[in-house]
């Protein structure tokens, strides 16, 4: 039974596994496989994908993707959102 008013639609990046790598969940990733994954994640991140979107598309955790990007020398973006300014 489906509830009315709730949509199961997700943004295009979420919910699908891109051709980043075919990885088994929880499998240790080392060597050439990790290097290829790091290069793919770096390219997508630099094109504007978020860490959360990359984690979702690869089936890995946010922390894993963050660590792989950091190891590959990517300049990570700020968190975004509104910044506080001093009242004048």
C-alpha atoms as a PDB file:
ATOM      1  CA  UNK A   1       0.000   0.000   0.000  1.00  0.00           C
ATOM      2  CA  UNK A   2       1.354   3.387  -0.966  1.00  0.00           C
ATOM      3  CA  UNK A   3       0.810   6.555   0.995  1.00  0.00           C
ATOM      4  CA  UNK A   4      -0.544   9.480  -0.894  1.00  0.00           C
ATOM      5  CA  UNK A   5       1.546  12.605  -1.121  1.00  0.00           C
ATOM      6  CA  UNK A   6       4.891  10.873  -0.613  1.00  0.00           C
ATOM      7  CA  UNK A   7       7.080  10.739  -3.637  1.00  0.00           C
ATOM      8  CA  UNK A   8       9.734   8.104  -4.112  1.00  0.00           C
ATOM      9  CA  UNK A   9      11.415  10.141  -6.824  1.00  0.00           C
ATOM     10  CA  UNK A  10      14.996  11.145  -6.110  1.00  0.00           C
ATOM     11  CA  UNK A  11      17.375  13.493  -7.854  1.00  0.00           C
ATOM     12  CA  UNK A  12      19.065  11.962 -10.884  1.00  0.00           C
ATOM     13  CA  UNK A  13      22.351  11.235  -9.092  1.00  0.00           C
ATOM     14  CA  UNK A  14      20.796   9.456  -6.122  1.00  0.00           C
ATOM     15  CA  UNK A  15      19.620   5.895  -6.221  1.00  0.00           C
ATOM     16  CA  UNK A  16      21.589   4.706  -9.171  1.00  0.00           C
ATOM     17  CA  UNK A  17      25.030   3.301  -9.410  1.00  0.00           C
ATOM     18  CA  UNK A  18      27.142   5.029 -11.998  1.00  0.00           C
ATOM     19  CA  UNK A  19      29.959   3.403 -13.877  1.00  0.00           C
ATOM     20  CA  UNK A  20      32.395   4.545 -11.190  1.00  0.00           C
ATOM     21  CA  UNK A  21      33.198   0.976 -10.203  1.00  0.00           C
ATOM     22  CA  UNK A  22      31.339  -2.238  -9.576  1.00  0.00           C
ATOM     23  CA  UNK A  23      32.135  -2.737  -5.902  1.00  0.00           C
ATOM     24  CA  UNK A  24      30.681  -5.140  -3.399  1.00  0.00           C
ATOM     25  CA  UNK A  25      29.368  -3.442  -0.302  1.00  0.00           C
ATOM     26  CA  UNK A  26      31.925  -3.459   2.477  1.00  0.00           C
ATOM     27  CA  UNK A  27      34.656  -4.967   0.310  1.00  0.00           C
ATOM     28  CA  UNK A  28      38.161  -3.687   0.945  1.00  0.00           C
ATOM     29  CA  UNK A  29      39.381  -1.612  -1.984  1.00  0.00           C
ATOM     30  CA  UNK A  30      43.132  -1.542  -2.590  1.00  0.00           C
ATOM     31  CA  UNK A  31      45.721  -1.187  -5.327  1.00  0.00           C
ATOM     32  CA  UNK A  32      44.727  -0.400  -8.876  1.00  0.00           C
ATOM     33  CA  UNK A  33      41.003  -0.637  -8.079  1.00  0.00           C
ATOM     34  CA  UNK A  34      41.336   2.051  -5.407  1.00  0.00           C
ATOM     35  CA  UNK A  35      43.428   4.236  -7.724  1.00  0.00           C
ATOM     36  CA  UNK A  36      40.801   4.005 -10.464  1.00  0.00           C
ATOM     37  CA  UNK A  37      37.995   4.719  -7.998  1.00  0.00           C
ATOM     38  CA  UNK A  38      39.922   7.717  -6.619  1.00  0.00           C
ATOM     39  CA  UNK A  39      40.454   9.115 -10.132  1.00  0.00           C
ATOM     40  CA  UNK A  40      36.765   8.660 -11.021  1.00  0.00           C
ATOM     41  CA  UNK A  41      35.560  10.240  -7.773  1.00  0.00           C
ATOM     42  CA  UNK A  42      38.000  13.127  -8.161  1.00  0.00           C
ATOM     43  CA  UNK A  43      36.803  13.856 -11.689  1.00  0.00           C
ATOM     44  CA  UNK A  44      33.123  13.788 -10.693  1.00  0.00           C
ATOM     45  CA  UNK A  45      33.725  15.882  -7.548  1.00  0.00           C
ATOM     46  CA  UNK A  46      35.619  18.513  -9.523  1.00  0.00           C
ATOM     47  CA  UNK A  47      32.709  18.652 -11.986  1.00  0.00           C
ATOM     48  CA  UNK A  48      30.398  19.565  -9.101  1.00  0.00           C
ATOM     49  CA  UNK A  49      29.063  16.333  -7.591  1.00  0.00           C
ATOM     50  CA  UNK A  50      28.697  16.363  -3.814  1.00  0.00           C
ATOM     51  CA  UNK A  51      30.415  13.879  -1.531  1.00  0.00           C
ATOM     52  CA  UNK A  52      26.995  12.587  -0.480  1.00  0.00           C
ATOM     53  CA  UNK A  53      25.949  12.045  -4.084  1.00  0.00           C
ATOM     54  CA  UNK A  54      29.207  10.223  -4.822  1.00  0.00           C
ATOM     55  CA  UNK A  55      28.773   8.051  -1.739  1.00  0.00           C
ATOM     56  CA  UNK A  56      25.244   7.157  -2.799  1.00  0.00           C
ATOM     57  CA  UNK A  57      26.226   6.371  -6.382  1.00  0.00           C
ATOM     58  CA  UNK A  58      29.114   4.109  -5.353  1.00  0.00           C
ATOM     59  CA  UNK A  59      27.398   2.446  -2.405  1.00  0.00           C
ATOM     60  CA  UNK A  60      30.167   3.582  -0.039  1.00  0.00           C
ATOM     61  CA  UNK A  61      29.978   5.764   3.047  1.00  0.00           C
ATOM     62  CA  UNK A  62      30.411   9.528   3.157  1.00  0.00           C
ATOM     63  CA  UNK A  63      33.561   9.052   5.243  1.00  0.00           C
ATOM     64  CA  UNK A  64      35.089   6.631   2.753  1.00  0.00           C
ATOM     65  CA  UNK A  65      34.505   8.989  -0.181  1.00  0.00           C
ATOM     66  CA  UNK A  66      35.806  11.962   1.833  1.00  0.00           C
ATOM     67  CA  UNK A  67      38.963  10.033   2.741  1.00  0.00           C
ATOM     68  CA  UNK A  68      39.612   8.849  -0.840  1.00  0.00           C
ATOM     69  CA  UNK A  69      39.166  12.395  -2.165  1.00  0.00           C
ATOM     70  CA  UNK A  70      41.507  13.783   0.496  1.00  0.00           C
ATOM     71  CA  UNK A  71      44.105  11.120  -0.281  1.00  0.00           C
ATOM     72  CA  UNK A  72      43.941  11.981  -3.976  1.00  0.00           C
ATOM     73  CA  UNK A  73      44.735  15.639  -3.269  1.00  0.00           C
ATOM     74  CA  UNK A  74      41.365  17.192  -4.085  1.00  0.00           C
ATOM     75  CA  UNK A  75      40.700  20.683  -2.708  1.00  0.00           C
ATOM     76  CA  UNK A  76      37.441  20.046  -0.849  1.00  0.00           C
ATOM     77  CA  UNK A  77      34.690  22.648  -1.121  1.00  0.00           C
ATOM     78  CA  UNK A  78      33.169  24.412   1.857  1.00  0.00           C
ATOM     79  CA  UNK A  79      29.894  23.316   3.352  1.00  0.00           C
ATOM     80  CA  UNK A  80      27.897  26.099   1.733  1.00  0.00           C
ATOM     81  CA  UNK A  81      24.751  27.614   3.118  1.00  0.00           C
ATOM     82  CA  UNK A  82      24.190  31.061   4.534  1.00  0.00           C
ATOM     83  CA  UNK A  83      27.021  32.713   6.417  1.00  0.00           C
ATOM     84  CA  UNK A  84      26.556  34.934   9.404  1.00  0.00           C
ATOM     85  CA  UNK A  85      27.439  38.575   9.046  1.00  0.00           C
ATOM     86  CA  UNK A  86      28.026  41.151  11.722  1.00  0.00           C
ATOM     87  CA  UNK A  87      25.174  43.533  12.355  1.00  0.00           C
ATOM     88  CA  UNK A  88      26.165  47.107  11.716  1.00  0.00           C
END
